[in-house]
N, C-alpha and C. Protein backbone atom coordinates (compact mmCIF):
# COMPACT_ATOMS: atom_id res chain seq x y z
N MET A 1 -5.38 -20.60 -3.01
CA MET A 1 -6.24 -19.44 -2.85
C MET A 1 -6.80 -19.08 -4.23
N ASP A 2 -8.10 -18.85 -4.28
CA ASP A 2 -8.72 -18.54 -5.56
C ASP A 2 -8.50 -17.06 -5.92
N ASN A 3 -8.84 -16.71 -7.14
CA ASN A 3 -8.58 -15.36 -7.66
C ASN A 3 -9.37 -14.29 -6.92
N ARG A 4 -10.60 -14.60 -6.52
CA ARG A 4 -11.43 -13.61 -5.82
C ARG A 4 -10.82 -13.29 -4.44
N THR A 5 -10.35 -14.31 -3.75
CA THR A 5 -9.73 -14.09 -2.44
C THR A 5 -8.43 -13.31 -2.59
N THR A 6 -7.66 -13.64 -3.60
CA THR A 6 -6.42 -12.90 -3.86
C THR A 6 -6.72 -11.44 -4.14
N SER A 7 -7.76 -11.17 -4.90
CA SER A 7 -8.17 -9.81 -5.19
C SER A 7 -8.53 -9.06 -3.91
N ASN A 8 -9.28 -9.71 -3.03
CA ASN A 8 -9.66 -9.08 -1.77
C ASN A 8 -8.45 -8.79 -0.87
N VAL A 9 -7.52 -9.74 -0.82
CA VAL A 9 -6.32 -9.55 -0.01
C VAL A 9 -5.49 -8.38 -0.55
N LEU A 10 -5.36 -8.28 -1.86
CA LEU A 10 -4.60 -7.19 -2.46
C LEU A 10 -5.27 -5.83 -2.25
N THR A 11 -6.59 -5.80 -2.26
CA THR A 11 -7.31 -4.56 -2.00
C THR A 11 -7.07 -4.10 -0.56
N VAL A 12 -7.14 -5.02 0.38
CA VAL A 12 -6.86 -4.68 1.77
C VAL A 12 -5.41 -4.22 1.92
N ALA A 13 -4.50 -4.87 1.24
CA ALA A 13 -3.08 -4.48 1.30
C ALA A 13 -2.89 -3.06 0.77
N GLY A 14 -3.65 -2.68 -0.25
CA GLY A 14 -3.56 -1.32 -0.76
C GLY A 14 -3.99 -0.29 0.27
N PHE A 15 -5.09 -0.55 0.96
CA PHE A 15 -5.55 0.38 1.99
C PHE A 15 -4.60 0.40 3.18
N VAL A 16 -4.05 -0.75 3.55
CA VAL A 16 -3.08 -0.80 4.64
C VAL A 16 -1.83 -0.01 4.27
N SER A 17 -1.43 -0.07 3.01
CA SER A 17 -0.27 0.68 2.54
C SER A 17 -0.50 2.18 2.68
N ILE A 18 -1.70 2.63 2.37
CA ILE A 18 -2.01 4.06 2.50
C ILE A 18 -1.96 4.48 3.97
N LEU A 19 -2.58 3.68 4.84
CA LEU A 19 -2.57 4.00 6.26
C LEU A 19 -1.15 3.96 6.84
N ALA A 20 -0.37 2.95 6.44
CA ALA A 20 1.01 2.85 6.92
C ALA A 20 1.83 4.03 6.45
N SER A 21 1.59 4.48 5.23
CA SER A 21 2.32 5.63 4.71
C SER A 21 2.05 6.87 5.55
N ILE A 22 0.79 7.08 5.89
CA ILE A 22 0.44 8.25 6.70
C ILE A 22 1.06 8.15 8.08
N LEU A 23 0.99 6.96 8.69
CA LEU A 23 1.58 6.77 10.01
C LEU A 23 3.09 6.97 9.99
N ILE A 24 3.76 6.43 8.98
CA ILE A 24 5.21 6.59 8.87
C ILE A 24 5.57 8.05 8.65
N TRP A 25 4.81 8.72 7.81
CA TRP A 25 5.08 10.13 7.51
C TRP A 25 5.07 10.97 8.78
N PHE A 26 4.03 10.77 9.60
CA PHE A 26 3.91 11.59 10.80
C PHE A 26 4.80 11.13 11.94
N SER A 27 4.99 9.83 12.09
CA SER A 27 5.78 9.36 13.23
C SER A 27 7.28 9.44 12.96
N ALA A 28 7.76 8.88 11.89
CA ALA A 28 9.20 8.88 11.60
C ALA A 28 9.68 10.24 11.15
N GLY A 29 8.86 10.96 10.44
CA GLY A 29 9.29 12.26 9.94
C GLY A 29 9.12 13.38 10.94
N GLY A 30 8.23 13.24 11.89
CA GLY A 30 7.93 14.33 12.79
C GLY A 30 8.68 14.34 14.10
N ARG A 31 9.21 13.21 14.54
CA ARG A 31 9.83 13.16 15.86
C ARG A 31 11.34 13.35 15.84
N SER A 32 11.94 13.39 14.67
CA SER A 32 13.39 13.47 14.57
C SER A 32 13.88 14.89 14.80
N ASP A 33 15.07 14.97 15.37
CA ASP A 33 15.66 16.27 15.64
C ASP A 33 16.45 16.81 14.46
N THR A 34 17.11 15.93 13.73
CA THR A 34 17.94 16.39 12.62
C THR A 34 17.13 16.42 11.33
N HIS A 35 17.55 17.29 10.47
CA HIS A 35 16.86 17.43 9.17
C HIS A 35 17.03 16.17 8.34
N GLU A 36 18.19 15.52 8.43
CA GLU A 36 18.45 14.32 7.64
C GLU A 36 17.54 13.17 8.05
N GLU A 37 17.36 12.96 9.35
CA GLU A 37 16.49 11.89 9.82
C GLU A 37 15.03 12.18 9.48
N LYS A 38 14.63 13.42 9.59
CA LYS A 38 13.25 13.79 9.24
C LYS A 38 12.99 13.56 7.76
N SER A 39 13.95 13.93 6.93
CA SER A 39 13.80 13.73 5.48
C SER A 39 13.71 12.25 5.14
N HIS A 40 14.51 11.43 5.83
CA HIS A 40 14.47 9.99 5.58
C HIS A 40 13.09 9.43 5.93
N GLY A 41 12.52 9.83 7.05
CA GLY A 41 11.20 9.35 7.45
C GLY A 41 10.13 9.77 6.45
N GLU A 42 10.21 10.98 5.96
CA GLU A 42 9.24 11.45 4.98
C GLU A 42 9.37 10.68 3.67
N ARG A 43 10.60 10.45 3.22
CA ARG A 43 10.79 9.70 1.98
C ARG A 43 10.31 8.25 2.11
N PHE A 44 10.56 7.65 3.28
CA PHE A 44 10.11 6.28 3.49
C PHE A 44 8.58 6.21 3.49
N GLY A 45 7.93 7.19 4.07
CA GLY A 45 6.47 7.24 4.05
C GLY A 45 5.93 7.34 2.64
N ILE A 46 6.56 8.15 1.82
CA ILE A 46 6.14 8.27 0.42
C ILE A 46 6.38 6.95 -0.32
N PHE A 47 7.52 6.30 -0.05
CA PHE A 47 7.84 5.03 -0.69
C PHE A 47 6.78 3.98 -0.38
N VAL A 48 6.38 3.88 0.87
CA VAL A 48 5.35 2.90 1.25
C VAL A 48 4.02 3.26 0.60
N GLY A 49 3.72 4.54 0.49
CA GLY A 49 2.48 4.97 -0.15
C GLY A 49 2.43 4.64 -1.63
N LEU A 50 3.58 4.51 -2.25
CA LEU A 50 3.61 4.19 -3.67
C LEU A 50 3.27 2.73 -3.96
N TRP A 51 3.23 1.90 -2.92
CA TRP A 51 2.85 0.51 -3.13
C TRP A 51 1.36 0.37 -3.41
N ALA A 52 0.56 1.29 -2.89
CA ALA A 52 -0.90 1.17 -2.98
C ALA A 52 -1.41 1.03 -4.41
N PRO A 53 -0.98 1.87 -5.36
CA PRO A 53 -1.49 1.70 -6.72
C PRO A 53 -1.16 0.33 -7.32
N THR A 54 -0.01 -0.20 -6.98
CA THR A 54 0.37 -1.52 -7.49
C THR A 54 -0.57 -2.58 -6.94
N PHE A 55 -0.86 -2.52 -5.64
CA PHE A 55 -1.79 -3.47 -5.05
C PHE A 55 -3.17 -3.36 -5.68
N PHE A 56 -3.64 -2.12 -5.91
CA PHE A 56 -4.97 -1.94 -6.49
C PHE A 56 -5.04 -2.43 -7.94
N VAL A 57 -4.00 -2.22 -8.71
CA VAL A 57 -3.96 -2.70 -10.09
C VAL A 57 -3.97 -4.24 -10.12
N LEU A 58 -3.16 -4.84 -9.27
CA LEU A 58 -3.14 -6.31 -9.20
C LEU A 58 -4.48 -6.86 -8.74
N ALA A 59 -5.10 -6.20 -7.77
CA ALA A 59 -6.42 -6.64 -7.30
C ALA A 59 -7.44 -6.57 -8.43
N ASN A 60 -7.37 -5.52 -9.22
CA ASN A 60 -8.30 -5.39 -10.34
C ASN A 60 -8.09 -6.51 -11.37
N LYS A 61 -6.84 -6.83 -11.65
CA LYS A 61 -6.55 -7.89 -12.61
C LYS A 61 -7.05 -9.25 -12.12
N TYR A 62 -6.82 -9.54 -10.83
CA TYR A 62 -7.31 -10.81 -10.28
C TYR A 62 -8.84 -10.84 -10.24
N ASN A 63 -9.46 -9.69 -9.98
CA ASN A 63 -10.92 -9.62 -9.98
C ASN A 63 -11.46 -9.88 -11.39
N GLU A 64 -10.84 -9.31 -12.40
CA GLU A 64 -11.25 -9.56 -13.78
C GLU A 64 -11.05 -11.02 -14.15
N LEU A 65 -9.95 -11.60 -13.72
CA LEU A 65 -9.68 -13.01 -14.00
C LEU A 65 -10.72 -13.90 -13.32
N ALA A 66 -11.10 -13.57 -12.10
CA ALA A 66 -12.12 -14.34 -11.39
C ALA A 66 -13.47 -14.21 -12.10
N ALA A 67 -13.76 -13.04 -12.65
CA ALA A 67 -15.04 -12.84 -13.34
C ALA A 67 -15.09 -13.66 -14.63
N THR A 68 -13.98 -13.73 -15.34
CA THR A 68 -13.97 -14.49 -16.59
C THR A 68 -14.03 -16.00 -16.33
N GLU A 69 -13.50 -16.43 -15.19
CA GLU A 69 -13.55 -17.86 -14.85
C GLU A 69 -14.86 -18.24 -14.18
N GLY A 70 -15.68 -17.25 -13.84
CA GLY A 70 -16.98 -17.53 -13.23
C GLY A 70 -16.94 -17.86 -11.76
N GLU A 71 -15.95 -17.35 -11.05
CA GLU A 71 -15.84 -17.62 -9.60
C GLU A 71 -16.80 -16.76 -8.82
């Protein structure tokens, strides 16, 4: 896989991470009866949301690498 394709895949993964975080936040955190289970769902949603900046930074680096190689 070339650098430009890797950059595109990582960008999509970043957006998917944001959407998954929102879905996890509302579904896992909102349907639980106990405070402990609700807190776990909310923390997991935040954890998944924290992946997005990493994906976007990596996508930017691969995009820069593709630009320097002339892809």
